[in-house]
Amino acid sequence: MAHSQLAPAATDAAAAAAAAVWPTIRTRLFSTFQTRADLINAVLASCHLPTLSDGTLTTKFRGQLHIDGGLLSVVTPPPQAAHTVLVCR
């Protein structure tokens, strides 16, 4: 789906979990996005599987190295989530 096909409200109603791996390892839930591209990049970071996704160990999101948020911890959806999507299992 192209960036222009995303509804503007999607940037306000979505959340993505990604694990920052440098300088410290921590899983974060991102729920605020400046642009549609920022939302798309968050989703790509949240499902980045080291070496399997694109041959690299990590992906860069907002200037930090990240991997799939579910690889390092159990991620609980935010309480206001009406729907959740499991990208890979």
Protein backbone atom coordinates (compact mmCIF):
# COMPACT_ATOMS: atom_id res chain seq x y z
CA MET A 1 0.00 0.00 0.00
CA ALA A 2 1.42 3.39 -0.96
CA HIS A 3 1.88 6.08 1.68
CA SER A 4 -0.82 8.20 0.02
CA GLN A 5 -3.37 5.39 0.42
CA LEU A 6 -3.19 5.42 4.22
CA ALA A 7 -5.98 7.25 5.98
CA PRO A 8 -4.71 10.33 7.86
CA ALA A 9 -6.27 8.98 11.08
CA ALA A 10 -4.00 5.91 10.89
CA THR A 11 -1.11 7.99 12.19
CA ASP A 12 -3.14 8.70 15.36
CA ALA A 13 -4.63 5.26 15.95
CA ALA A 14 -1.71 2.88 15.46
CA ALA A 15 1.03 1.49 17.68
CA ALA A 16 4.13 -0.55 16.88
CA ALA A 17 6.61 -2.28 19.19
CA ALA A 18 10.28 -2.31 18.27
CA ALA A 19 13.35 -3.21 20.31
CA ALA A 20 16.20 -0.71 20.31
CA VAL A 21 19.46 -2.63 20.48
CA TRP A 22 22.09 0.09 20.89
CA PRO A 23 23.35 1.60 23.17
CA THR A 24 20.97 -0.30 25.46
CA ILE A 25 18.49 -3.07 24.69
CA ARG A 26 14.88 -2.10 25.37
CA THR A 27 11.51 -2.70 23.77
CA ARG A 28 9.42 0.40 23.14
CA LEU A 29 5.83 0.85 22.04
CA PHE A 30 5.56 3.69 19.54
CA SER A 31 2.13 5.28 19.24
CA THR A 32 2.84 8.82 18.05
CA PHE A 33 3.80 9.34 14.43
CA GLN A 34 4.71 12.60 12.71
CA THR A 35 3.94 11.41 9.18
CA ARG A 36 2.64 8.41 7.30
CA ALA A 37 6.23 7.54 6.39
CA ASP A 38 7.11 7.56 10.10
CA LEU A 39 4.27 5.11 10.77
CA ILE A 40 5.38 2.83 7.94
CA ASN A 41 8.99 2.91 9.16
CA ALA A 42 7.81 2.03 12.68
CA VAL A 43 5.94 -1.01 11.35
CA LEU A 44 8.97 -2.09 9.32
CA ALA A 45 11.19 -1.75 12.40
CA SER A 46 8.67 -3.62 14.55
CA CYS A 47 8.83 -6.69 12.32
CA HIS A 48 12.53 -6.64 11.39
CA LEU A 49 13.95 -10.14 11.86
CA PRO A 50 17.75 -10.07 12.02
CA THR A 51 19.29 -11.34 8.75
CA LEU A 52 15.94 -12.75 7.56
CA SER A 53 14.25 -9.45 6.70
CA ASP A 54 16.89 -7.95 4.41
CA GLY A 55 20.21 -9.57 5.26
CA THR A 56 21.06 -7.05 7.98
CA LEU A 57 21.08 -7.54 11.75
CA THR A 58 19.13 -4.36 12.50
CA THR A 59 17.14 -1.59 10.85
CA LYS A 60 17.34 2.11 11.64
CA PHE A 61 14.24 3.88 12.97
CA ARG A 62 14.35 7.44 14.30
CA GLY A 63 18.13 7.34 14.35
CA GLN A 64 18.45 4.17 16.45
CA LEU A 65 19.04 0.53 15.56
CA HIS A 66 15.99 -1.70 16.09
CA ILE A 67 14.71 -5.26 15.64
CA ASP A 68 11.29 -6.87 16.01
CA GLY A 69 9.87 -5.84 19.39
CA GLY A 70 8.48 -9.31 20.06
CA LEU A 71 11.86 -11.03 19.83
CA LEU A 72 13.09 -9.76 23.19
CA SER A 73 9.91 -9.44 25.25
CA VAL A 74 6.19 -10.08 25.32
CA VAL A 75 4.45 -6.98 24.01
CA THR A 76 1.01 -6.19 25.36
CA PRO A 77 -1.22 -4.09 23.09
CA PRO A 78 -2.29 -0.74 24.51
CA PRO A 79 -5.63 -0.88 26.37
CA GLN A 80 -7.36 1.38 23.82
CA ALA A 81 -6.48 -0.98 20.93
CA ALA A 82 -9.60 -2.02 19.06
CA HIS A 83 -7.65 -4.43 16.82
CA THR A 84 -4.22 -5.99 16.88
CA VAL A 85 -2.21 -7.42 14.02
CA LEU A 86 0.38 -10.16 14.44
CA VAL A 87 2.83 -9.52 11.59
CA CYS A 88 4.82 -12.73 11.92
CA ARG A 89 4.87 -15.70 14.23
